[in-house]
């Protein structure tokens, strides 16, 4: 029988449907309770329609500096994932170069 895992994401909204709190929990994440986060980018590949389905949310407490760092770290880990999944070191390296450029332009302190 195939193994199943579940990831739960809960978004609490204010009266204007603006996210106030985002929590997530996965049984095998090593957490004994849901973790609180201020932003999330969820991308899912729809093979049938050959397109990405996405859900991007951030709470009103997320600062601009946090968002810049969040994007930098997300892009950096995407380069790692690209290299792992495609074995293409060259394009992953190019993406990492862009991440360095991005960090410089956004004045992110690494």
Protein backbone atom coordinates (compact mmCIF):
# COMPACT_ATOMS: atom_id res chain seq x y z
CA UNK A 1 0.00 0.00 0.00
CA UNK A 2 1.39 3.46 -0.89
CA UNK A 3 2.54 5.60 1.98
CA UNK A 4 0.74 8.91 2.52
CA UNK A 5 1.88 12.08 4.23
CA UNK A 6 -0.16 15.14 5.06
CA UNK A 7 0.86 18.79 5.26
CA UNK A 8 -1.60 21.15 6.90
CA UNK A 9 -1.56 24.90 6.21
CA UNK A 10 -3.91 27.19 8.11
CA UNK A 11 -4.41 30.85 7.20
CA UNK A 12 -6.24 33.13 9.61
CA UNK A 13 -7.75 36.20 7.92
CA UNK A 14 -8.92 39.55 9.22
CA UNK A 15 -12.34 41.00 8.33
CA UNK A 16 -10.93 42.20 4.97
CA UNK A 17 -9.54 38.74 4.09
CA UNK A 18 -5.94 39.83 4.68
CA UNK A 19 -3.79 37.08 6.23
CA UNK A 20 -3.05 37.71 9.90
CA UNK A 21 -1.46 34.39 10.75
CA UNK A 22 -0.14 31.44 8.76
CA UNK A 23 0.70 28.13 10.39
CA UNK A 24 1.82 24.84 8.94
CA UNK A 25 2.38 21.37 10.27
CA UNK A 26 3.63 18.10 8.85
CA UNK A 27 3.71 14.92 10.88
CA UNK A 28 7.29 14.09 9.95
CA UNK A 29 8.69 17.63 10.18
CA UNK A 30 9.95 17.09 13.71
CA UNK A 31 7.59 19.69 15.16
CA UNK A 32 5.31 18.93 18.08
CA UNK A 33 2.93 21.74 17.13
CA UNK A 34 2.16 23.90 14.07
CA UNK A 35 4.89 26.39 13.13
CA UNK A 36 4.03 30.04 12.60
CA UNK A 37 5.30 31.80 9.50
CA UNK A 38 4.76 35.21 7.94
CA UNK A 39 4.84 34.25 4.27
CA UNK A 40 4.52 31.32 1.92
CA UNK A 41 4.97 30.60 -1.77
CA UNK A 42 3.32 27.37 -2.85
CA UNK A 43 3.82 26.17 -6.41
CA UNK A 44 2.30 22.99 -7.80
CA UNK A 45 2.85 21.61 -11.30
CA UNK A 46 -0.34 20.83 -13.21
CA UNK A 47 0.92 18.24 -15.69
CA UNK A 48 -2.35 18.01 -17.58
CA UNK A 49 -2.42 21.74 -18.44
CA UNK A 50 1.38 22.19 -18.38
CA UNK A 51 1.22 25.14 -16.01
CA UNK A 52 2.11 26.12 -12.47
CA UNK A 53 -0.63 26.59 -9.92
CA UNK A 54 0.47 28.92 -7.18
CA UNK A 55 -0.58 30.41 -3.91
CA UNK A 56 1.44 33.35 -2.57
CA UNK A 57 0.46 34.73 0.83
CA UNK A 58 2.05 36.94 3.44
CA UNK A 59 0.77 38.40 6.66
CA UNK A 60 0.42 42.08 7.33
CA UNK A 61 3.26 41.73 9.86
CA UNK A 62 5.75 40.72 7.15
CA UNK A 63 8.27 43.54 6.76
CA UNK A 64 9.76 44.65 3.46
CA UNK A 65 13.24 43.61 4.64
CA UNK A 66 11.91 40.16 5.58
CA UNK A 67 10.24 39.85 2.16
CA UNK A 68 13.50 40.72 0.39
CA UNK A 69 15.36 38.07 2.39
CA UNK A 70 12.53 35.57 1.89
CA UNK A 71 12.78 35.99 -1.89
CA UNK A 72 16.57 35.75 -1.83
CA UNK A 73 16.48 32.54 0.17
CA UNK A 74 13.67 31.10 -1.96
CA UNK A 75 15.56 31.81 -5.19
CA UNK A 76 18.74 30.33 -3.71
CA UNK A 77 17.03 27.11 -2.69
CA UNK A 78 15.35 26.95 -6.10
CA UNK A 79 18.83 26.92 -7.67
CA UNK A 80 19.73 23.96 -5.44
CA UNK A 81 16.52 22.16 -6.39
CA UNK A 82 17.11 22.86 -10.09
CA UNK A 83 20.59 21.37 -9.90
CA UNK A 84 19.42 18.33 -7.95
CA UNK A 85 16.49 17.62 -10.27
CA UNK A 86 18.16 18.33 -13.63
CA UNK A 87 21.85 17.70 -12.85
CA UNK A 88 22.55 20.93 -14.77
CA UNK A 89 25.31 22.61 -12.75
CA UNK A 90 25.79 25.39 -15.31
CA UNK A 91 22.29 26.82 -15.24
CA UNK A 92 22.05 26.37 -11.47
CA UNK A 93 25.29 28.31 -11.18
CA UNK A 94 23.83 31.04 -13.38
CA UNK A 95 20.83 31.17 -11.10
CA UNK A 96 23.11 31.48 -8.05
CA UNK A 97 24.92 34.33 -9.80
CA UNK A 98 21.54 36.03 -10.23
CA UNK A 99 20.85 35.47 -6.52
CA UNK A 100 24.09 37.28 -5.68
CA UNK A 101 23.08 40.12 -8.02
CA UNK A 102 19.60 40.20 -6.47
CA UNK A 103 21.03 40.36 -2.94
CA UNK A 104 23.34 43.21 -3.94
CA UNK A 105 20.59 45.23 -5.63
CA UNK A 106 18.14 44.64 -2.78
CA UNK A 107 20.87 45.47 -0.24
CA UNK A 108 20.39 42.20 1.60
CA UNK A 109 22.92 41.39 4.26
CA UNK A 110 23.73 37.68 4.03
